Amino acid sequence: MKASKIISIGAAAGIIFSMTWYLMARTMGFYSVNVYVYRNILAFALIIIGVILSIFLTKRGNGGLLEFKEAMKAGMLYSLILASIVALFNYFYYTFITPDTIDYFLNEAKTVVMADKKILPADYPQYLDAVRANYGSFRLIPPILFWGLIVSLITGALLNKKPPHTFSEN
């Protein structure tokens, strides 16, 4: 299968992810914690479906034959394209759509910590910096690539079919 088809599948999955995330946030509320739970479930489902589809189409494009390294290339290319689009949308989401979301969740986290009194007041800035890091634009790239790798390994091992060997007497 050509890389352009895998890139198209990854781009389509990224657009589906972005539109679904925005629609979920719009309907449930931009400050709902459930949006982030569903966002992660959606990302995981798109990784599984997209990697399997990319590897399957690669095998079909090769006439039913699939080397393990080709399966890995197809699955990781899909995962890289999906992760890139997710990271770009994440940046766009927190910069233009809901720029005050991070501050809202930081205030909520600070309120919870102050009520629990498990952290000293002098340590609040460090804690809030750690919470702010959870909303980084490119924070979703490593998990998407990791799970894409795992699914690629499993799918590549299951769909692996090498061409028959030809023997020569020379």
N, C-alpha and C. Protein backbone atom coordinates (compact mmCIF):
# COMPACT_ATOMS: atom_id res chain seq x y z
N MET A 1 0.85 -1.18 0.00
CA MET A 1 0.00 0.00 0.00
C MET A 1 0.89 1.23 0.00
N LYS A 2 0.45 2.22 -0.71
CA LYS A 2 1.21 3.45 -0.76
C LYS A 2 1.07 4.22 0.54
N ALA A 3 2.13 4.94 0.88
CA ALA A 3 2.13 5.73 2.11
C ALA A 3 1.07 6.83 2.05
N SER A 4 0.74 7.29 0.85
CA SER A 4 -0.25 8.37 0.74
C SER A 4 -1.62 7.93 1.25
N LYS A 5 -1.97 6.66 1.07
CA LYS A 5 -3.26 6.18 1.56
C LYS A 5 -3.25 6.10 3.08
N ILE A 6 -2.12 5.68 3.64
CA ILE A 6 -2.02 5.62 5.10
C ILE A 6 -2.07 7.03 5.68
N ILE A 7 -1.42 7.96 5.02
CA ILE A 7 -1.46 9.36 5.47
C ILE A 7 -2.90 9.88 5.39
N SER A 8 -3.62 9.53 4.33
CA SER A 8 -5.02 9.95 4.20
C SER A 8 -5.88 9.37 5.31
N ILE A 9 -5.66 8.09 5.64
CA ILE A 9 -6.43 7.46 6.71
C ILE A 9 -6.11 8.13 8.04
N GLY A 10 -4.83 8.41 8.29
CA GLY A 10 -4.43 9.08 9.53
C GLY A 10 -4.99 10.49 9.62
N ALA A 11 -4.97 11.20 8.51
CA ALA A 11 -5.53 12.56 8.50
C ALA A 11 -7.03 12.53 8.73
N ALA A 12 -7.71 11.57 8.11
CA ALA A 12 -9.16 11.46 8.31
C ALA A 12 -9.47 11.14 9.77
N ALA A 13 -8.70 10.23 10.37
CA ALA A 13 -8.90 9.90 11.78
C ALA A 13 -8.63 11.10 12.68
N GLY A 14 -7.61 11.88 12.34
CA GLY A 14 -7.32 13.09 13.11
C GLY A 14 -8.44 14.11 13.03
N ILE A 15 -9.01 14.25 11.85
CA ILE A 15 -10.12 15.19 11.67
C ILE A 15 -11.36 14.68 12.41
N ILE A 16 -11.61 13.38 12.33
CA ILE A 16 -12.74 12.80 13.08
C ILE A 16 -12.55 13.03 14.57
N PHE A 17 -11.33 12.79 15.06
CA PHE A 17 -11.03 13.01 16.48
C PHE A 17 -11.28 14.46 16.87
N SER A 18 -10.77 15.39 16.08
CA SER A 18 -10.90 16.81 16.40
C SER A 18 -12.35 17.26 16.40
N MET A 19 -13.09 16.85 15.39
CA MET A 19 -14.50 17.26 15.32
C MET A 19 -15.31 16.65 16.45
N THR A 20 -15.04 15.39 16.76
CA THR A 20 -15.79 14.72 17.83
C THR A 20 -15.46 15.33 19.17
N TRP A 21 -14.18 15.63 19.41
CA TRP A 21 -13.78 16.26 20.67
C TRP A 21 -14.47 17.60 20.83
N TYR A 22 -14.47 18.39 19.77
CA TYR A 22 -15.12 19.70 19.83
C TYR A 22 -16.62 19.56 20.08
N LEU A 23 -17.27 18.64 19.38
CA LEU A 23 -18.72 18.46 19.56
C LEU A 23 -19.05 17.95 20.96
N MET A 24 -18.22 17.05 21.49
CA MET A 24 -18.44 16.57 22.86
C MET A 24 -18.29 17.73 23.85
N ALA A 25 -17.26 18.54 23.65
CA ALA A 25 -17.04 19.67 24.56
C ALA A 25 -18.17 20.68 24.44
N ARG A 26 -18.66 20.86 23.25
CA ARG A 26 -19.76 21.82 23.03
C ARG A 26 -21.05 21.33 23.69
N THR A 27 -21.33 20.03 23.61
CA THR A 27 -22.58 19.53 24.17
C THR A 27 -22.49 19.28 25.67
N MET A 28 -21.36 18.79 26.15
CA MET A 28 -21.22 18.49 27.58
C MET A 28 -20.76 19.69 28.39
N GLY A 29 -20.20 20.66 27.73
CA GLY A 29 -19.65 21.82 28.40
C GLY A 29 -18.13 21.78 28.33
N PHE A 30 -17.55 22.93 28.06
CA PHE A 30 -16.11 22.99 27.88
C PHE A 30 -15.36 22.72 29.18
N TYR A 31 -16.03 22.86 30.31
CA TYR A 31 -15.36 22.67 31.59
C TYR A 31 -15.73 21.35 32.24
N SER A 32 -16.26 20.44 31.47
CA SER A 32 -16.64 19.12 31.99
C SER A 32 -15.44 18.18 31.98
N VAL A 33 -15.24 17.48 33.06
CA VAL A 33 -14.15 16.51 33.15
C VAL A 33 -14.46 15.30 32.28
N ASN A 34 -15.73 14.99 32.08
CA ASN A 34 -16.13 13.85 31.26
C ASN A 34 -15.65 13.98 29.82
N VAL A 35 -15.51 15.19 29.33
CA VAL A 35 -15.03 15.40 27.97
C VAL A 35 -13.65 14.77 27.80
N TYR A 36 -12.81 14.90 28.80
CA TYR A 36 -11.45 14.38 28.70
C TYR A 36 -11.42 12.86 28.81
N VAL A 37 -12.33 12.29 29.57
CA VAL A 37 -12.42 10.83 29.65
C VAL A 37 -12.85 10.29 28.29
N TYR A 38 -13.89 10.86 27.71
CA TYR A 38 -14.36 10.40 26.41
C TYR A 38 -13.34 10.68 25.31
N ARG A 39 -12.60 11.77 25.43
CA ARG A 39 -11.56 12.09 24.46
C ARG A 39 -10.51 10.99 24.44
N ASN A 40 -10.10 10.52 25.61
CA ASN A 40 -9.09 9.47 25.69
C ASN A 40 -9.61 8.15 25.14
N ILE A 41 -10.86 7.83 25.42
CA ILE A 41 -11.47 6.61 24.88
C ILE A 41 -11.53 6.69 23.36
N LEU A 42 -11.93 7.84 22.84
CA LEU A 42 -12.01 8.04 21.40
C LEU A 42 -10.63 7.89 20.76
N ALA A 43 -9.61 8.48 21.37
CA ALA A 43 -8.26 8.38 20.82
C ALA A 43 -7.80 6.93 20.78
N PHE A 44 -8.05 6.20 21.85
CA PHE A 44 -7.64 4.80 21.91
C PHE A 44 -8.37 3.97 20.85
N ALA A 45 -9.66 4.22 20.67
CA ALA A 45 -10.43 3.49 19.66
C ALA A 45 -9.92 3.80 18.25
N LEU A 46 -9.61 5.07 17.99
CA LEU A 46 -9.09 5.44 16.67
C LEU A 46 -7.71 4.84 16.42
N ILE A 47 -6.91 4.71 17.46
CA ILE A 47 -5.60 4.08 17.29
C ILE A 47 -5.78 2.62 16.90
N ILE A 48 -6.61 1.91 17.63
CA ILE A 48 -6.79 0.48 17.36
C ILE A 48 -7.37 0.27 15.96
N ILE A 49 -8.46 0.96 15.66
CA ILE A 49 -9.12 0.77 14.37
C ILE A 49 -8.21 1.20 13.22
N GLY A 50 -7.56 2.34 13.36
CA GLY A 50 -6.73 2.87 12.27
C GLY A 50 -5.48 2.06 12.01
N VAL A 51 -4.81 1.60 13.05
CA VAL A 51 -3.60 0.80 12.85
C VAL A 51 -3.96 -0.53 12.19
N ILE A 52 -5.00 -1.18 12.70
CA ILE A 52 -5.41 -2.45 12.11
C ILE A 52 -5.81 -2.25 10.65
N LEU A 53 -6.57 -1.20 10.36
CA LEU A 53 -6.99 -0.92 8.98
C LEU A 53 -5.79 -0.63 8.09
N SER A 54 -4.86 0.17 8.57
CA SER A 54 -3.68 0.50 7.77
C SER A 54 -2.86 -0.74 7.44
N ILE A 55 -2.66 -1.59 8.43
CA ILE A 55 -1.88 -2.81 8.20
C ILE A 55 -2.64 -3.77 7.30
N PHE A 56 -3.93 -3.90 7.50
CA PHE A 56 -4.73 -4.78 6.65
C PHE A 56 -4.71 -4.31 5.20
N LEU A 57 -4.87 -3.02 4.97
CA LEU A 57 -4.84 -2.50 3.60
C LEU A 57 -3.46 -2.62 2.98
N THR A 58 -2.43 -2.51 3.80
CA THR A 58 -1.07 -2.72 3.29
C THR A 58 -0.89 -4.16 2.83
N LYS A 59 -1.41 -5.09 3.62
CA LYS A 59 -1.32 -6.51 3.25
C LYS A 59 -2.12 -6.77 1.98
N ARG A 60 -3.30 -6.22 1.90
CA ARG A 60 -4.12 -6.41 0.70
C ARG A 60 -3.47 -5.78 -0.53
N GLY A 61 -2.82 -4.64 -0.35
CA GLY A 61 -2.14 -3.99 -1.46
C GLY A 61 -0.92 -4.76 -1.94
N ASN A 62 -0.36 -5.60 -1.08
CA ASN A 62 0.80 -6.42 -1.45
C ASN A 62 0.40 -7.81 -1.93
N GLY A 63 -0.85 -8.00 -2.24
CA GLY A 63 -1.30 -9.29 -2.74
C GLY A 63 -1.40 -10.37 -1.68
N GLY A 64 -1.67 -9.98 -0.45
CA GLY A 64 -1.81 -10.95 0.62
C GLY A 64 -0.53 -11.25 1.37
N LEU A 65 0.57 -10.65 0.95
CA LEU A 65 1.85 -10.85 1.61
C LEU A 65 2.18 -9.63 2.47
N LEU A 66 2.77 -9.88 3.61
CA LEU A 66 3.08 -8.76 4.50
C LEU A 66 4.31 -9.10 5.34
N GLU A 67 5.35 -8.35 5.14
CA GLU A 67 6.54 -8.47 5.99
C GLU A 67 6.25 -7.73 7.29
N PHE A 68 6.86 -8.19 8.37
CA PHE A 68 6.63 -7.58 9.68
C PHE A 68 7.04 -6.12 9.69
N LYS A 69 8.18 -5.79 9.05
CA LYS A 69 8.64 -4.40 9.05
C LYS A 69 7.70 -3.48 8.25
N GLU A 70 7.07 -4.02 7.21
CA GLU A 70 6.08 -3.22 6.48
C GLU A 70 4.86 -2.93 7.34
N ALA A 71 4.45 -3.92 8.12
CA ALA A 71 3.33 -3.73 9.04
C ALA A 71 3.67 -2.66 10.08
N MET A 72 4.87 -2.72 10.60
CA MET A 72 5.30 -1.72 11.59
C MET A 72 5.35 -0.32 10.98
N LYS A 73 5.87 -0.22 9.77
CA LYS A 73 5.93 1.08 9.10
C LYS A 73 4.53 1.65 8.89
N ALA A 74 3.61 0.82 8.43
CA ALA A 74 2.24 1.28 8.17
C ALA A 74 1.57 1.73 9.46
N GLY A 75 1.67 0.92 10.51
CA GLY A 75 1.03 1.26 11.78
C GLY A 75 1.63 2.50 12.42
N MET A 76 2.94 2.62 12.37
CA MET A 76 3.58 3.78 13.00
C MET A 76 3.38 5.06 12.18
N LEU A 77 3.32 4.94 10.86
CA LEU A 77 3.03 6.12 10.04
C LEU A 77 1.63 6.65 10.35
N TYR A 78 0.67 5.73 10.43
CA TYR A 78 -0.69 6.13 10.79
C TYR A 78 -0.69 6.81 12.17
N SER A 79 -0.02 6.20 13.13
CA SER A 79 0.01 6.75 14.50
C SER A 79 0.67 8.12 14.53
N LEU A 80 1.72 8.29 13.75
CA LEU A 80 2.43 9.59 13.72
C LEU A 80 1.54 10.68 13.12
N ILE A 81 0.83 10.36 12.06
CA ILE A 81 -0.07 11.35 11.45
C ILE A 81 -1.20 11.70 12.41
N LEU A 82 -1.79 10.68 13.03
CA LEU A 82 -2.87 10.93 14.00
C LEU A 82 -2.37 11.76 15.17
N ALA A 83 -1.20 11.42 15.71
CA ALA A 83 -0.65 12.16 16.85
C ALA A 83 -0.36 13.61 16.48
N SER A 84 0.14 13.84 15.27
CA SER A 84 0.43 15.21 14.84
C SER A 84 -0.83 16.06 14.74
N ILE A 85 -1.87 15.50 14.16
CA ILE A 85 -3.12 16.25 14.02
C ILE A 85 -3.76 16.48 15.38
N VAL A 86 -3.70 15.48 16.26
CA VAL A 86 -4.25 15.64 17.61
C VAL A 86 -3.49 16.74 18.36
N ALA A 87 -2.18 16.77 18.22
CA ALA A 87 -1.39 17.80 18.90
C ALA A 87 -1.72 19.20 18.36
N LEU A 88 -1.87 19.30 17.06
CA LEU A 88 -2.23 20.60 16.48
C LEU A 88 -3.61 21.05 16.93
N PHE A 89 -4.56 20.13 16.95
CA PHE A 89 -5.90 20.50 17.41
C PHE A 89 -5.88 20.84 18.90
N ASN A 90 -5.11 20.10 19.69
CA ASN A 90 -4.98 20.39 21.11
C ASN A 90 -4.48 21.82 21.33
N TYR A 91 -3.47 22.20 20.56
CA TYR A 91 -2.95 23.58 20.65
C TYR A 91 -4.02 24.58 20.24
N PHE A 92 -4.69 24.32 19.13
CA PHE A 92 -5.74 25.20 18.64
C PHE A 92 -6.88 25.30 19.64
N TYR A 93 -7.25 24.18 20.25
CA TYR A 93 -8.36 24.12 21.21
C TYR A 93 -8.07 25.00 22.42
N TYR A 94 -6.88 24.84 23.01
CA TYR A 94 -6.56 25.58 24.22
C TYR A 94 -6.12 27.02 23.95
N THR A 95 -5.77 27.35 22.72
CA THR A 95 -5.35 28.71 22.40
C THR A 95 -6.51 29.56 21.91
N PHE A 96 -7.37 29.01 21.06
CA PHE A 96 -8.40 29.82 20.42
C PHE A 96 -9.83 29.48 20.85
N ILE A 97 -10.14 28.21 21.01
CA ILE A 97 -11.52 27.83 21.31
C ILE A 97 -11.85 28.10 22.77
N THR A 98 -11.05 27.57 23.68
CA THR A 98 -11.29 27.76 25.11
C THR A 98 -9.99 28.15 25.82
N PRO A 99 -9.56 29.39 25.64
CA PRO A 99 -8.28 29.79 26.24
C PRO A 99 -8.31 29.83 27.77
N ASP A 100 -9.47 29.91 28.37
CA ASP A 100 -9.54 29.99 29.83
C ASP A 100 -9.76 28.64 30.50
N THR A 101 -9.81 27.56 29.73
CA THR A 101 -10.05 26.24 30.31
C THR A 101 -8.94 25.82 31.26
N ILE A 102 -7.71 26.05 30.86
CA ILE A 102 -6.58 25.64 31.71
C ILE A 102 -6.62 26.41 33.03
N ASP A 103 -6.89 27.70 32.97
CA ASP A 103 -6.98 28.48 34.21
C ASP A 103 -8.13 28.00 35.09
N TYR A 104 -9.23 27.62 34.48
CA TYR A 104 -10.36 27.11 35.24
C TYR A 104 -9.98 25.84 36.00
N PHE A 105 -9.35 24.89 35.30
CA PHE A 105 -8.96 23.65 35.95
C PHE A 105 -7.84 23.86 36.97
N LEU A 106 -6.97 24.83 36.74
CA LEU A 106 -5.95 25.16 37.74
C LEU A 106 -6.57 25.70 39.01
N ASN A 107 -7.57 26.56 38.85
CA ASN A 107 -8.27 27.08 40.04
C ASN A 107 -9.00 25.97 40.78
N GLU A 108 -9.61 25.06 40.03
CA GLU A 108 -10.29 23.92 40.66
C GLU A 108 -9.29 23.05 41.43
N ALA A 109 -8.14 22.79 40.81
CA ALA A 109 -7.12 21.97 41.47
C ALA A 109 -6.59 22.66 42.73
N LYS A 110 -6.42 23.97 42.65
CA LYS A 110 -5.94 24.72 43.81
C LYS A 110 -6.96 24.69 44.93
N THR A 111 -8.23 24.81 44.59
CA THR A 111 -9.29 24.75 45.60
C THR A 111 -9.31 23.39 46.30
N VAL A 112 -9.17 22.33 45.52
CA VAL A 112 -9.17 20.98 46.10
C VAL A 112 -7.96 20.79 47.00
N VAL A 113 -6.81 21.24 46.57
CA VAL A 113 -5.59 21.08 47.37
C VAL A 113 -5.66 21.90 48.64
N MET A 114 -6.21 23.08 48.54
CA MET A 114 -6.33 23.93 49.75
C MET A 114 -7.30 23.30 50.75
N ALA A 115 -8.35 22.66 50.26
CA ALA A 115 -9.32 22.03 51.15
C ALA A 115 -8.73 20.79 51.82
N ASP A 116 -7.92 20.03 51.08
CA ASP A 116 -7.33 18.82 51.64
C ASP A 116 -6.17 19.12 52.59
N LYS A 117 -5.52 20.23 52.37
CA LYS A 117 -4.36 20.66 53.17
C LYS A 117 -3.25 19.61 53.19
N LYS A 118 -3.08 18.91 52.06
CA LYS A 118 -2.02 17.93 51.96
C LYS A 118 -0.73 18.54 51.42
N ILE A 119 -0.83 19.72 50.87
CA ILE A 119 0.33 20.40 50.32
C ILE A 119 0.50 21.72 51.05
N LEU A 120 1.72 22.05 51.35
CA LEU A 120 1.99 23.31 52.02
C LEU A 120 1.72 24.48 51.07
N PRO A 121 1.28 25.61 51.59
CA PRO A 121 1.01 26.76 50.71
C PRO A 121 2.23 27.19 49.88
N ALA A 122 3.42 26.97 50.40
CA ALA A 122 4.61 27.35 49.65
C ALA A 122 4.82 26.45 48.42
N ASP A 123 4.22 25.25 48.44
CA ASP A 123 4.37 24.31 47.34
C ASP A 123 3.27 24.42 46.28
N TYR A 124 2.32 25.33 46.46
CA TYR A 124 1.24 25.51 45.49
C TYR A 124 1.74 25.81 44.08
N PRO A 125 2.71 26.73 43.92
CA PRO A 125 3.15 27.02 42.55
C PRO A 125 3.73 25.80 41.82
N GLN A 126 4.48 24.97 42.52
CA GLN A 126 5.04 23.77 41.90
C GLN A 126 3.91 22.80 41.51
N TYR A 127 2.95 22.66 42.40
CA TYR A 127 1.82 21.77 42.12
C TYR A 127 1.03 22.27 40.91
N LEU A 128 0.78 23.56 40.85
CA LEU A 128 0.01 24.11 39.74
C LEU A 128 0.78 24.01 38.42
N ASP A 129 2.10 24.12 38.48
CA ASP A 129 2.91 23.92 37.27
C ASP A 129 2.79 22.48 36.78
N ALA A 130 2.75 21.54 37.70
CA ALA A 130 2.59 20.12 37.33
C ALA A 130 1.21 19.88 36.71
N VAL A 131 0.20 20.52 37.27
CA VAL A 131 -1.15 20.38 36.71
C VAL A 131 -1.22 21.04 35.33
N ARG A 132 -0.59 22.20 35.17
CA ARG A 132 -0.57 22.90 33.88
C ARG A 132 0.10 22.05 32.81
N ALA A 133 1.11 21.27 33.19
CA ALA A 133 1.80 20.42 32.22
C ALA A 133 0.88 19.36 31.63
N ASN A 134 -0.18 19.00 32.35
CA ASN A 134 -1.14 18.02 31.83
C ASN A 134 -1.90 18.54 30.62
N TYR A 135 -1.93 19.83 30.43
CA TYR A 135 -2.68 20.43 29.34
C TYR A 135 -1.77 20.91 28.21
N GLY A 136 -0.54 20.42 28.18
CA GLY A 136 0.39 20.80 27.12
C GLY A 136 -0.11 20.32 25.76
N SER A 137 0.18 21.10 24.75
CA SER A 137 -0.34 20.81 23.42
C SER A 137 0.21 19.52 22.84
N PHE A 138 1.43 19.19 23.16
CA PHE A 138 2.05 18.02 22.57
C PHE A 138 2.15 16.87 23.56
N ARG A 139 1.39 16.93 24.62
CA ARG A 139 1.40 15.89 25.65
C ARG A 139 0.76 14.60 25.16
N LEU A 140 -0.10 14.66 24.17
CA LEU A 140 -0.78 13.46 23.69
C LEU A 140 0.02 12.68 22.66
N ILE A 141 1.12 13.23 22.17
CA ILE A 141 1.91 12.52 21.15
C ILE A 141 2.52 11.23 21.68
N PRO A 142 3.25 11.25 22.81
CA PRO A 142 3.86 10.00 23.27
C PRO A 142 2.88 8.86 23.55
N PRO A 143 1.73 9.10 24.22
CA PRO A 143 0.83 7.97 24.42
C PRO A 143 0.24 7.42 23.12
N ILE A 144 -0.05 8.29 22.17
CA ILE A 144 -0.59 7.82 20.90
C ILE A 144 0.45 6.98 20.17
N LEU A 145 1.70 7.44 20.16
CA LEU A 145 2.75 6.67 19.51
C LEU A 145 3.01 5.35 20.24
N PHE A 146 2.96 5.36 21.56
CA PHE A 146 3.18 4.14 22.33
C PHE A 146 2.10 3.10 22.02
N TRP A 147 0.85 3.51 22.11
CA TRP A 147 -0.24 2.55 21.84
C TRP A 147 -0.28 2.16 20.37
N GLY A 148 0.10 3.07 19.49
CA GLY A 148 0.21 2.71 18.08
C GLY A 148 1.28 1.65 17.86
N LEU A 149 2.39 1.76 18.59
CA LEU A 149 3.45 0.76 18.51
C LEU A 149 2.96 -0.60 19.01
N ILE A 150 2.29 -0.60 20.14
CA ILE A 150 1.79 -1.86 20.71
C ILE A 150 0.80 -2.54 19.75
N VAL A 151 -0.14 -1.76 19.24
CA VAL A 151 -1.14 -2.33 18.33
C VAL A 151 -0.48 -2.77 17.02
N SER A 152 0.53 -2.02 16.56
CA SER A 152 1.25 -2.41 15.35
C SER A 152 2.01 -3.72 15.55
N LEU A 153 2.64 -3.88 16.70
CA LEU A 153 3.36 -5.12 16.99
C LEU A 153 2.41 -6.32 16.98
N ILE A 154 1.30 -6.18 17.66
CA ILE A 154 0.34 -7.29 17.74
C ILE A 154 -0.26 -7.59 16.37
N THR A 155 -0.73 -6.56 15.68
CA THR A 155 -1.36 -6.76 14.39
C THR A 155 -0.36 -7.26 13.36
N GLY A 156 0.85 -6.70 13.38
CA GLY A 156 1.88 -7.16 12.45
C GLY A 156 2.24 -8.61 12.67
N ALA A 157 2.29 -9.03 13.93
CA ALA A 157 2.60 -10.43 14.22
C ALA A 157 1.46 -11.35 13.77
N LEU A 158 0.23 -10.90 13.92
CA LEU A 158 -0.91 -11.73 13.54
C LEU A 158 -1.11 -11.82 12.02
N LEU A 159 -0.86 -10.73 11.32
CA LEU A 159 -1.10 -10.68 9.87
C LEU A 159 0.14 -10.94 9.05
N ASN A 160 1.24 -11.23 9.69
CA ASN A 160 2.51 -11.45 9.02
C ASN A 160 2.42 -12.66 8.09
N LYS A 161 2.77 -12.47 6.82
CA LYS A 161 2.81 -13.58 5.87
C LYS A 161 3.92 -13.28 4.87
N LYS A 162 4.98 -14.05 4.96
CA LYS A 162 6.13 -13.85 4.08
C LYS A 162 5.90 -14.57 2.75
N PRO A 163 6.58 -14.08 1.71
CA PRO A 163 6.47 -14.78 0.44
C PRO A 163 7.15 -16.15 0.51
N PRO A 164 6.68 -17.09 -0.28
CA PRO A 164 7.31 -18.42 -0.25
C PRO A 164 8.75 -18.34 -0.73
N HIS A 165 9.58 -19.17 -0.16
CA HIS A 165 10.99 -19.20 -0.54
C HIS A 165 11.17 -20.01 -1.84
N THR A 166 12.03 -19.52 -2.66
CA THR A 166 12.38 -20.27 -3.87
C THR A 166 13.80 -20.79 -3.69
N PHE A 167 13.98 -22.02 -3.97
CA PHE A 167 15.29 -22.65 -3.79
C PHE A 167 15.94 -22.82 -5.14
N SER A 168 17.22 -22.57 -5.16
CA SER A 168 17.99 -22.84 -6.37
C SER A 168 19.13 -23.75 -6.01
N GLU A 169 19.59 -24.53 -6.95
CA GLU A 169 20.64 -25.47 -6.67
C GLU A 169 22.02 -24.86 -6.85
N ASN A 170 22.09 -23.64 -7.21
CA ASN A 170 23.39 -22.99 -7.41
C ASN A 170 23.93 -22.46 -6.14
